[in-house]
């Protein structure tokens, strides 16, 4: 499932941009590939991160995967529920399974993201 109105990376992260706050997580495709998640390593609030740099780690019984920041910014909030309920990402990766929120510090980092149509076209090539 690809949700309209979000932006996407080729590494299967999504970003919801609201002013200068970006909520992010992993896509439905990514959580399906990983399988049932058993652990999420969240970033620290206040951490400054560049686009396409590792921001979190998700682990399933099958594999561990790095999560990359879709934008350049500063972590303002994390979804602390994932510490005890990592399966929220499997259940609803776009709503209850968000990973963190960032304050956007470089609007140009948005230029590298795909809209829903382009991301679906990308998925069709995999």
Protein backbone atom coordinates (compact mmCIF):
# COMPACT_ATOMS: atom_id res chain seq x y z
CA UNK A 1 0.00 0.00 0.00
CA UNK A 2 1.32 3.42 -1.01
CA UNK A 3 -0.40 6.38 0.67
CA UNK A 4 -1.12 9.55 -1.33
CA UNK A 5 0.18 12.79 0.17
CA UNK A 6 3.35 11.29 1.64
CA UNK A 7 6.89 11.45 0.25
CA UNK A 8 9.09 8.37 -0.13
CA UNK A 9 12.73 7.27 -0.39
CA UNK A 10 14.24 4.46 -2.44
CA UNK A 11 15.20 2.89 0.90
CA UNK A 12 11.46 2.59 1.72
CA UNK A 13 10.99 5.33 4.28
CA UNK A 14 8.01 7.67 4.18
CA UNK A 15 7.78 11.31 5.21
CA UNK A 16 4.73 13.40 6.07
CA UNK A 17 5.60 17.08 5.81
CA UNK A 18 3.57 19.57 7.89
CA UNK A 19 5.25 22.97 7.77
CA UNK A 20 8.77 22.39 9.07
CA UNK A 21 7.87 19.19 10.98
CA UNK A 22 8.40 15.86 9.21
CA UNK A 23 6.91 12.67 10.63
CA UNK A 24 8.67 9.57 9.27
CA UNK A 25 8.58 5.80 9.32
CA UNK A 26 9.11 2.78 7.11
CA UNK A 27 6.77 1.89 4.28
CA UNK A 28 4.33 -0.97 3.99
CA UNK A 29 6.71 -2.60 1.49
CA UNK A 30 9.60 -2.42 4.00
CA UNK A 31 7.63 -3.88 6.91
CA UNK A 32 6.35 -6.70 4.68
CA UNK A 33 9.90 -7.56 3.60
CA UNK A 34 11.11 -7.63 7.22
CA UNK A 35 8.21 -9.61 8.63
CA UNK A 36 7.01 -9.35 12.22
CA UNK A 37 9.07 -6.74 14.03
CA UNK A 38 10.43 -7.60 17.47
CA UNK A 39 12.59 -4.54 18.26
CA UNK A 40 12.96 -0.90 17.24
CA UNK A 41 15.98 1.20 18.19
CA UNK A 42 14.75 4.79 18.26
CA UNK A 43 16.90 7.90 17.80
CA UNK A 44 17.54 10.33 20.65
CA UNK A 45 15.46 13.51 20.83
CA UNK A 46 17.72 16.42 19.91
CA UNK A 47 19.87 14.36 17.53
CA UNK A 48 20.78 16.21 14.35
CA UNK A 49 20.70 14.01 11.29
CA UNK A 50 21.47 14.45 7.61
CA UNK A 51 19.23 13.06 4.90
CA UNK A 52 20.02 9.44 3.96
CA UNK A 53 21.94 8.80 7.21
CA UNK A 54 20.95 6.05 9.67
CA UNK A 55 18.37 7.26 12.18
CA UNK A 56 16.93 4.04 13.63
CA UNK A 57 17.14 0.25 13.46
CA UNK A 58 14.26 -2.20 13.08
CA UNK A 59 14.65 -5.91 13.82
CA UNK A 60 12.46 -8.87 12.99
CA UNK A 61 12.95 -12.56 13.56
CA UNK A 62 14.26 -12.69 9.96
CA UNK A 63 16.55 -9.66 9.73
CA UNK A 64 17.64 -6.30 11.05
CA UNK A 65 17.42 -3.22 8.89
CA UNK A 66 18.72 0.30 9.14
CA UNK A 67 16.21 3.12 8.80
CA UNK A 68 17.50 6.25 7.08
CA UNK A 69 16.30 9.78 7.60
CA UNK A 70 14.38 11.03 4.55
CA UNK A 71 15.34 14.65 5.34
CA UNK A 72 17.97 16.73 7.12
CA UNK A 73 16.73 17.82 10.51
CA UNK A 74 16.67 17.52 14.28
CA UNK A 75 14.71 14.80 16.08
CA UNK A 76 11.95 16.50 18.10
CA UNK A 77 9.88 13.47 19.15
CA UNK A 78 10.03 9.67 19.01
CA UNK A 79 7.20 7.15 19.06
CA UNK A 80 8.07 5.66 22.48
CA UNK A 81 5.25 3.10 22.15
CA UNK A 82 7.47 1.23 19.68
CA UNK A 83 9.86 0.35 22.53
CA UNK A 84 7.28 -2.07 23.94
CA UNK A 85 5.10 -2.56 20.85
CA UNK A 86 7.32 -2.77 17.75
CA UNK A 87 4.49 -4.64 15.99
CA UNK A 88 2.67 -1.30 15.64
CA UNK A 89 4.80 -0.82 12.51
CA UNK A 90 3.42 -4.08 11.07
CA UNK A 91 -0.13 -3.21 12.05
CA UNK A 92 -0.18 0.35 10.68
CA UNK A 93 3.16 1.69 9.51
CA UNK A 94 1.67 5.01 8.34
CA UNK A 95 -0.27 5.97 11.49
CA UNK A 96 0.45 4.25 14.83
CA UNK A 97 3.79 2.90 13.58
CA UNK A 98 5.56 6.20 12.86
CA UNK A 99 9.14 6.25 14.14
CA UNK A 100 10.00 9.88 14.85
CA UNK A 101 9.39 13.52 14.05
CA UNK A 102 12.06 15.88 12.78
CA UNK A 103 12.30 19.63 12.57
CA UNK A 104 13.35 20.21 8.98
CA UNK A 105 16.60 22.18 8.82
CA UNK A 106 17.31 21.85 5.08
CA UNK A 107 14.28 22.17 2.79
CA UNK A 108 16.43 21.11 -0.19
CA UNK A 109 16.58 17.60 1.27
CA UNK A 110 12.90 17.26 0.26
CA UNK A 111 13.95 17.47 -3.40
CA UNK A 112 15.32 13.89 -3.30
CA UNK A 113 12.00 12.34 -2.26
CA UNK A 114 9.38 10.73 -4.49
CA UNK A 115 5.65 11.35 -4.45
CA UNK A 116 3.27 8.38 -4.17
CA UNK A 117 3.00 7.89 -7.95
CA UNK A 118 6.79 7.83 -8.47
CA UNK A 119 7.29 5.53 -5.48
CA UNK A 120 4.69 3.07 -6.83
CA UNK A 121 6.46 3.13 -10.20
CA UNK A 122 9.73 2.41 -8.37
CA UNK A 123 8.16 -0.51 -6.47
CA UNK A 124 6.92 -1.94 -9.77
CA UNK A 125 10.56 -2.31 -10.87
CA UNK A 126 11.57 -4.39 -7.83
